Amino acid sequence: MIAMPRRLPSWRSLYWLAAGALLAGNAVAMQLTPEVNWGAEDFLLMGLLLGLVGLAGEGVLRLVRTRAGRVLGLAGVALAFLLVWAQLAVGIV
């Protein structure tokens, strides 16, 4: 029997794993230090935000065909995420 070569995980699966690890990391940090104090609504909002970023990134990768367009689209998604995250962190939104 011929062994099939192992397929490396795609960048898309790595994103979803990293998003889950980010949420899990905050849950662990809450157990270790009182400085991280998230409630259920914080986890829900961050999960929603990371989910929307992932879906927007998927959309950019599926709809845009040029390398430059993909880079600009993903940079725009990342910039929008950071803007919303910063506003939520200081309580503007």
N, C-alpha and C. Protein backbone atom coordinates (compact mmCIF):
# COMPACT_ATOMS: atom_id res chain seq x y z
N MET A 1 0.84 -1.18 0.00
CA MET A 1 0.00 0.00 0.00
C MET A 1 0.89 1.24 0.00
N ILE A 2 0.54 2.20 -0.83
CA ILE A 2 1.32 3.43 -0.95
C ILE A 2 0.81 4.44 0.07
N ALA A 3 1.74 4.99 0.83
CA ALA A 3 1.37 5.98 1.84
C ALA A 3 1.10 7.32 1.15
N MET A 4 -0.02 7.91 1.48
CA MET A 4 -0.36 9.22 0.93
C MET A 4 0.42 10.29 1.69
N PRO A 5 0.91 11.31 0.98
CA PRO A 5 1.62 12.38 1.68
C PRO A 5 0.66 13.14 2.59
N ARG A 6 1.18 13.58 3.73
CA ARG A 6 0.36 14.33 4.67
C ARG A 6 0.08 15.71 4.11
N ARG A 7 -1.13 16.12 4.21
CA ARG A 7 -1.52 17.44 3.73
C ARG A 7 -1.41 18.45 4.87
N LEU A 8 -0.74 19.55 4.61
CA LEU A 8 -0.61 20.58 5.62
C LEU A 8 -1.94 21.32 5.78
N PRO A 9 -2.25 21.78 6.98
CA PRO A 9 -3.51 22.51 7.16
C PRO A 9 -3.48 23.83 6.39
N SER A 10 -4.63 24.22 5.90
CA SER A 10 -4.70 25.47 5.14
C SER A 10 -4.62 26.66 6.08
N TRP A 11 -4.35 27.82 5.52
CA TRP A 11 -4.29 29.04 6.31
C TRP A 11 -5.66 29.33 6.92
N ARG A 12 -6.70 28.94 6.21
CA ARG A 12 -8.04 29.19 6.73
C ARG A 12 -8.29 28.40 7.99
N SER A 13 -7.91 27.12 8.01
CA SER A 13 -8.11 26.34 9.24
C SER A 13 -7.24 26.87 10.36
N LEU A 14 -6.05 27.33 10.03
CA LEU A 14 -5.17 27.88 11.06
C LEU A 14 -5.77 29.15 11.67
N TYR A 15 -6.46 29.96 10.83
CA TYR A 15 -7.11 31.16 11.37
C TYR A 15 -8.16 30.77 12.41
N TRP A 16 -9.02 29.83 12.07
CA TRP A 16 -10.10 29.45 12.99
C TRP A 16 -9.53 28.84 14.27
N LEU A 17 -8.44 28.09 14.15
CA LEU A 17 -7.80 27.55 15.35
C LEU A 17 -7.20 28.68 16.21
N ALA A 18 -6.59 29.67 15.56
CA ALA A 18 -6.01 30.80 16.29
C ALA A 18 -7.09 31.63 16.96
N ALA A 19 -8.24 31.80 16.31
CA ALA A 19 -9.34 32.55 16.90
C ALA A 19 -9.85 31.83 18.16
N GLY A 20 -9.99 30.53 18.08
CA GLY A 20 -10.40 29.76 19.25
C GLY A 20 -9.37 29.82 20.36
N ALA A 21 -8.09 29.77 19.99
CA ALA A 21 -7.02 29.85 20.98
C ALA A 21 -7.00 31.21 21.67
N LEU A 22 -7.32 32.27 20.92
CA LEU A 22 -7.38 33.60 21.51
C LEU A 22 -8.45 33.67 22.58
N LEU A 23 -9.62 33.13 22.30
CA LEU A 23 -10.69 33.12 23.30
C LEU A 23 -10.33 32.24 24.49
N ALA A 24 -9.74 31.09 24.21
CA ALA A 24 -9.33 30.19 25.30
C ALA A 24 -8.22 30.83 26.14
N GLY A 25 -7.33 31.55 25.49
CA GLY A 25 -6.25 32.23 26.22
C GLY A 25 -6.78 33.24 27.22
N ASN A 26 -7.82 33.95 26.84
CA ASN A 26 -8.42 34.91 27.77
C ASN A 26 -9.10 34.20 28.93
N ALA A 27 -9.72 33.06 28.66
CA ALA A 27 -10.35 32.29 29.74
C ALA A 27 -9.30 31.79 30.73
N VAL A 28 -8.15 31.37 30.22
CA VAL A 28 -7.06 30.92 31.11
C VAL A 28 -6.49 32.10 31.88
N ALA A 29 -6.32 33.25 31.20
CA ALA A 29 -5.76 34.43 31.86
C ALA A 29 -6.67 34.90 33.00
N MET A 30 -7.97 34.71 32.84
CA MET A 30 -8.90 35.10 33.92
C MET A 30 -8.66 34.28 35.18
N GLN A 31 -8.21 33.04 35.02
CA GLN A 31 -7.96 32.18 36.17
C GLN A 31 -6.64 32.51 36.86
N LEU A 32 -5.73 33.15 36.12
CA LEU A 32 -4.39 33.40 36.65
C LEU A 32 -4.20 34.79 37.24
N THR A 33 -4.96 35.76 36.77
CA THR A 33 -4.75 37.12 37.23
C THR A 33 -6.09 37.85 37.35
N PRO A 34 -6.22 38.72 38.34
CA PRO A 34 -7.47 39.48 38.47
C PRO A 34 -7.56 40.64 37.46
N GLU A 35 -6.48 40.91 36.74
CA GLU A 35 -6.48 42.01 35.78
C GLU A 35 -7.32 41.72 34.54
N VAL A 36 -7.52 40.46 34.25
CA VAL A 36 -8.38 40.08 33.12
C VAL A 36 -9.72 39.69 33.71
N ASN A 37 -10.73 40.52 33.45
CA ASN A 37 -12.04 40.30 34.04
C ASN A 37 -13.10 40.38 32.94
N TRP A 38 -13.30 39.28 32.24
CA TRP A 38 -14.28 39.22 31.15
C TRP A 38 -15.53 38.53 31.64
N GLY A 39 -16.66 39.03 31.17
CA GLY A 39 -17.94 38.38 31.43
C GLY A 39 -18.35 37.58 30.21
N ALA A 40 -19.50 36.95 30.31
CA ALA A 40 -20.01 36.14 29.19
C ALA A 40 -20.24 37.00 27.96
N GLU A 41 -20.72 38.24 28.18
CA GLU A 41 -20.97 39.13 27.03
C GLU A 41 -19.68 39.51 26.32
N ASP A 42 -18.57 39.61 27.06
CA ASP A 42 -17.29 39.92 26.42
C ASP A 42 -16.83 38.77 25.53
N PHE A 43 -16.99 37.54 26.01
CA PHE A 43 -16.62 36.39 25.20
C PHE A 43 -17.52 36.26 23.97
N LEU A 44 -18.80 36.52 24.16
CA LEU A 44 -19.73 36.47 23.02
C LEU A 44 -19.38 37.51 21.97
N LEU A 45 -19.10 38.74 22.42
CA LEU A 45 -18.79 39.82 21.49
C LEU A 45 -17.47 39.55 20.76
N MET A 46 -16.46 39.09 21.49
CA MET A 46 -15.18 38.79 20.84
C MET A 46 -15.32 37.61 19.89
N GLY A 47 -16.09 36.60 20.27
CA GLY A 47 -16.35 35.47 19.37
C GLY A 47 -17.06 35.93 18.11
N LEU A 48 -18.05 36.81 18.27
CA LEU A 48 -18.76 37.35 17.11
C LEU A 48 -17.81 38.17 16.23
N LEU A 49 -17.01 39.00 16.86
CA LEU A 49 -16.07 39.84 16.12
C LEU A 49 -15.05 38.99 15.35
N LEU A 50 -14.49 37.98 16.01
CA LEU A 50 -13.53 37.10 15.33
C LEU A 50 -14.21 36.30 14.23
N GLY A 51 -15.45 35.90 14.45
CA GLY A 51 -16.19 35.19 13.42
C GLY A 51 -16.45 36.06 12.20
N LEU A 52 -16.82 37.32 12.43
CA LEU A 52 -17.05 38.23 11.31
C LEU A 52 -15.75 38.52 10.55
N VAL A 53 -14.66 38.64 11.28
CA VAL A 53 -13.36 38.85 10.62
C VAL A 53 -13.01 37.63 9.76
N GLY A 54 -13.24 36.45 10.30
CA GLY A 54 -12.97 35.23 9.54
C GLY A 54 -13.83 35.13 8.29
N LEU A 55 -15.11 35.44 8.41
CA LEU A 55 -15.99 35.39 7.25
C LEU A 55 -15.63 36.46 6.22
N ALA A 56 -15.27 37.65 6.69
CA ALA A 56 -14.85 38.70 5.76
C ALA A 56 -13.56 38.30 5.05
N GLY A 57 -12.64 37.70 5.79
CA GLY A 57 -11.39 37.22 5.17
C GLY A 57 -11.66 36.13 4.14
N GLU A 58 -12.57 35.22 4.47
CA GLU A 58 -12.96 34.18 3.51
C GLU A 58 -13.55 34.81 2.26
N GLY A 59 -14.40 35.82 2.46
CA GLY A 59 -15.00 36.52 1.32
C GLY A 59 -13.97 37.18 0.43
N VAL A 60 -13.00 37.83 1.05
CA VAL A 60 -11.93 38.46 0.27
C VAL A 60 -11.16 37.41 -0.52
N LEU A 61 -10.81 36.31 0.13
CA LEU A 61 -10.03 35.28 -0.55
C LEU A 61 -10.81 34.61 -1.67
N ARG A 62 -12.13 34.51 -1.54
CA ARG A 62 -12.94 33.87 -2.58
C ARG A 62 -13.27 34.81 -3.73
N LEU A 63 -13.47 36.10 -3.44
CA LEU A 63 -13.95 37.02 -4.46
C LEU A 63 -12.84 37.75 -5.21
N VAL A 64 -11.72 37.98 -4.56
CA VAL A 64 -10.65 38.76 -5.19
C VAL A 64 -9.62 37.80 -5.77
N ARG A 65 -9.26 38.00 -7.01
CA ARG A 65 -8.36 37.07 -7.69
C ARG A 65 -6.90 37.53 -7.72
N THR A 66 -6.64 38.83 -7.67
CA THR A 66 -5.26 39.29 -7.77
C THR A 66 -4.60 39.28 -6.39
N ARG A 67 -3.30 39.06 -6.40
CA ARG A 67 -2.55 39.01 -5.14
C ARG A 67 -2.60 40.36 -4.42
N ALA A 68 -2.42 41.44 -5.18
CA ALA A 68 -2.44 42.78 -4.57
C ALA A 68 -3.83 43.09 -3.99
N GLY A 69 -4.86 42.69 -4.70
CA GLY A 69 -6.22 42.91 -4.21
C GLY A 69 -6.50 42.14 -2.94
N ARG A 70 -6.01 40.92 -2.88
CA ARG A 70 -6.19 40.11 -1.67
C ARG A 70 -5.46 40.72 -0.48
N VAL A 71 -4.23 41.17 -0.73
CA VAL A 71 -3.45 41.77 0.36
C VAL A 71 -4.15 43.02 0.87
N LEU A 72 -4.62 43.87 -0.05
CA LEU A 72 -5.31 45.09 0.36
C LEU A 72 -6.64 44.77 1.06
N GLY A 73 -7.36 43.81 0.56
CA GLY A 73 -8.62 43.42 1.18
C GLY A 73 -8.43 42.87 2.58
N LEU A 74 -7.46 41.99 2.74
CA LEU A 74 -7.18 41.42 4.07
C LEU A 74 -6.64 42.47 5.02
N ALA A 75 -5.84 43.41 4.50
CA ALA A 75 -5.34 44.50 5.34
C ALA A 75 -6.50 45.38 5.80
N GLY A 76 -7.46 45.62 4.91
CA GLY A 76 -8.64 46.40 5.29
C GLY A 76 -9.47 45.70 6.36
N VAL A 77 -9.64 44.40 6.22
CA VAL A 77 -10.38 43.63 7.23
C VAL A 77 -9.65 43.69 8.57
N ALA A 78 -8.33 43.52 8.54
CA ALA A 78 -7.54 43.57 9.78
C ALA A 78 -7.61 44.97 10.41
N LEU A 79 -7.55 46.01 9.60
CA LEU A 79 -7.62 47.37 10.12
C LEU A 79 -8.98 47.66 10.73
N ALA A 80 -10.05 47.20 10.08
CA ALA A 80 -11.39 47.38 10.64
C ALA A 80 -11.52 46.64 11.97
N PHE A 81 -10.98 45.42 12.05
CA PHE A 81 -11.01 44.66 13.31
C PHE A 81 -10.28 45.43 14.41
N LEU A 82 -9.09 45.92 14.12
CA LEU A 82 -8.33 46.64 15.15
C LEU A 82 -9.02 47.92 15.58
N LEU A 83 -9.68 48.60 14.65
CA LEU A 83 -10.40 49.82 14.99
C LEU A 83 -11.57 49.53 15.93
N VAL A 84 -12.36 48.52 15.61
CA VAL A 84 -13.50 48.16 16.46
C VAL A 84 -13.01 47.66 17.81
N TRP A 85 -11.96 46.84 17.81
CA TRP A 85 -11.43 46.30 19.06
C TRP A 85 -10.92 47.42 19.97
N ALA A 86 -10.21 48.39 19.40
CA ALA A 86 -9.70 49.51 20.19
C ALA A 86 -10.85 50.32 20.77
N GLN A 87 -11.89 50.56 19.97
CA GLN A 87 -13.03 51.32 20.48
C GLN A 87 -13.77 50.58 21.59
N LEU A 88 -13.89 49.27 21.44
CA LEU A 88 -14.52 48.50 22.49
C LEU A 88 -13.66 48.48 23.76
N ALA A 89 -12.37 48.47 23.61
CA ALA A 89 -11.46 48.41 24.76
C ALA A 89 -11.55 49.66 25.63
N VAL A 90 -11.76 50.81 25.01
CA VAL A 90 -11.83 52.05 25.79
C VAL A 90 -13.26 52.49 26.08
N GLY A 91 -14.22 51.73 25.59
CA GLY A 91 -15.61 52.01 25.92
C GLY A 91 -16.28 53.05 25.06
N ILE A 92 -15.79 53.29 23.85
CA ILE A 92 -16.42 54.29 22.97
C ILE A 92 -17.72 53.75 22.40
N VAL A 93 -17.71 52.47 21.99
CA VAL A 93 -18.90 51.89 21.36
C VAL A 93 -19.84 51.37 22.43
